Protein backbone atom coordinates (compact mmCIF):
# COMPACT_ATOMS: atom_id res chain seq x y z
CA MET A 1 58.12 61.08 96.05
CA MET A 2 58.91 59.30 93.13
CA HIS A 3 57.15 55.77 93.87
CA GLY A 4 54.53 56.53 96.30
CA ARG A 5 50.81 55.85 95.78
CA GLY A 6 48.72 58.25 94.14
CA LYS A 7 44.61 58.80 94.39
CA SER A 8 44.35 56.96 91.42
CA ASP A 9 46.49 54.07 92.58
CA PRO A 10 43.99 51.51 94.68
CA VAL A 11 46.01 48.70 96.41
CA ILE A 12 44.40 45.17 94.41
CA GLY A 13 44.38 42.43 96.60
CA ALA A 14 45.61 39.20 94.76
CA VAL A 15 43.18 36.12 95.20
CA LYS A 16 45.28 33.54 94.21
CA PRO A 17 48.41 32.21 96.89
CA ALA A 18 52.07 32.81 95.65
CA ASN A 19 53.44 29.87 93.92
CA LYS A 20 55.01 27.37 96.31
CA ALA A 21 53.89 29.45 99.27
CA ALA A 22 54.42 27.64 102.78
CA PRO A 23 51.01 27.81 104.74
CA THR A 24 52.84 29.46 107.39
CA ALA A 25 54.14 32.31 105.01
CA ALA A 26 53.97 35.78 106.10
CA GLU A 27 52.68 36.78 102.89
CA SER A 28 50.86 34.01 100.74
CA VAL A 29 49.11 36.66 98.93
CA GLU A 30 50.99 39.62 98.25
CA GLN A 31 49.46 42.67 97.25
CA ARG A 32 50.00 45.00 94.15
CA PRO A 33 49.46 48.32 93.01
CA GLY A 34 46.58 49.04 90.64
CA ALA A 35 47.12 50.82 87.20
CA GLU A 36 46.82 54.37 87.06
CA GLY A 37 44.37 55.97 84.73
CA ASN A 38 41.56 54.58 83.49
CA ALA A 39 42.64 50.89 82.40
CA SER A 40 39.20 49.76 82.98
CA GLN A 41 37.28 51.86 79.99
CA GLN A 42 38.38 50.29 76.69
CA SER A 43 39.50 52.89 74.42
CA THR A 44 39.01 51.15 71.24
CA CYS A 45 36.41 48.46 70.10
CA ARG A 46 37.18 44.36 69.46
CA ALA A 47 36.31 44.53 66.12
CA GLN A 48 37.71 46.73 62.99
CA ASP A 49 34.39 48.60 62.19
CA ARG A 50 33.57 52.30 61.33
CA GLU A 51 33.66 53.56 65.03
CA THR A 52 36.97 51.97 65.25
CA VAL A 53 38.26 53.74 62.07
CA LEU A 54 36.71 57.06 63.30
CA GLN A 55 38.68 56.50 66.42
CA ALA A 56 42.02 56.05 64.84
CA LEU A 57 41.11 58.96 62.37
CA GLU A 58 40.18 61.44 65.75
CA ARG A 59 43.44 60.56 66.94
CA ILE A 60 45.68 61.23 63.41
CA ARG A 61 43.76 64.98 63.83
CA ASN A 62 44.44 65.46 67.34
CA ALA A 63 48.47 64.45 66.89
CA ALA A 64 48.35 66.79 64.09
CA ARG A 65 46.56 69.62 65.77
CA GLN A 66 49.03 69.47 68.89
CA ARG A 67 52.05 69.51 67.15
CA LYS A 68 51.67 71.37 63.95
CA GLU A 69 55.27 71.87 63.73
CA GLU A 70 55.84 67.89 63.55
CA ARG A 71 55.47 65.71 59.98
CA PHE A 72 54.06 62.33 58.91
CA THR A 73 56.74 60.46 57.27
CA SER A 74 54.00 58.10 56.67
CA LEU A 75 50.48 57.45 57.18
CA ALA A 76 50.34 54.21 55.23
CA HIS A 77 50.14 51.56 58.35
CA HIS A 78 46.79 53.49 58.59
CA ILE A 79 45.23 52.50 55.19
CA ASN A 80 43.08 48.90 55.64
CA MET A 81 39.78 47.63 54.28
CA ALA A 82 37.64 49.09 57.00
CA MET A 83 39.39 52.97 56.65
CA LEU A 84 38.81 52.77 52.53
CA ARG A 85 35.27 51.50 53.08
CA VAL A 86 34.14 54.09 55.48
CA ALA A 87 35.68 56.68 52.98
CA PHE A 88 33.87 55.17 49.99
CA PHE A 89 30.65 55.50 51.50
CA ALA A 90 31.38 58.96 52.78
CA LEU A 91 31.74 59.85 49.07
CA LYS A 92 28.99 61.77 47.17
CA ARG A 93 27.24 59.22 45.04
CA ASP A 94 26.31 61.58 42.77
CA ALA A 95 29.80 63.04 42.04
CA ALA A 96 31.72 63.23 38.47
CA PRO A 97 33.52 60.10 37.67
CA GLY A 98 37.49 59.60 38.59
CA VAL A 99 40.57 60.30 36.88
CA ASP A 100 39.92 56.52 35.70
CA GLY A 101 36.31 57.19 34.39
CA LEU A 102 34.69 55.19 37.34
CA THR A 103 31.46 56.07 38.65
CA TRP A 104 30.49 55.61 42.56
CA GLN A 105 28.08 53.02 41.39
CA THR A 106 30.46 51.41 39.06
CA TYR A 107 32.98 51.30 41.67
CA GLU A 108 30.81 49.81 44.36
CA ALA A 109 29.72 46.98 41.93
CA ASP A 110 32.78 45.19 42.80
CA LEU A 111 34.10 47.03 45.90
CA ASP A 112 35.66 44.26 47.95
CA ARG A 113 37.84 43.54 44.84
CA ASN A 114 38.66 46.85 44.44
CA LEU A 115 39.46 47.96 47.95
CA THR A 116 41.61 44.94 48.23
CA ASP A 117 43.36 45.84 45.40
CA LEU A 118 44.12 49.34 46.61
CA VAL A 119 45.33 47.95 49.86
CA GLN A 120 47.85 45.43 48.26
CA ARG A 121 48.90 48.36 46.03
CA GLY A 122 49.39 50.54 49.29
């Protein structure tokens, strides 16, 4: 049955009457089926923070694991200030300086400007 109701499709009764419905209309308030799945559960956060970034990374990891033959053409759209900030604070603070000669502490001193520069170059 292509358009039949399933177990997770409850009928939701509309509260507001239809536009310009006559008071004697047979169906002044239409019934409509509910959304399938877990529509009421929000899978992402409202603000971009560490939790949101980690969820996005996890989705990328899962896609890469499930479809090993597929190649990503670009991940640049995932690079943003929040992700770069999480990545920066995940670095070892006592690691050797990078190829540019900057230490973790030097880079952190002007972190917002450095991350903004990275996002703009990406």
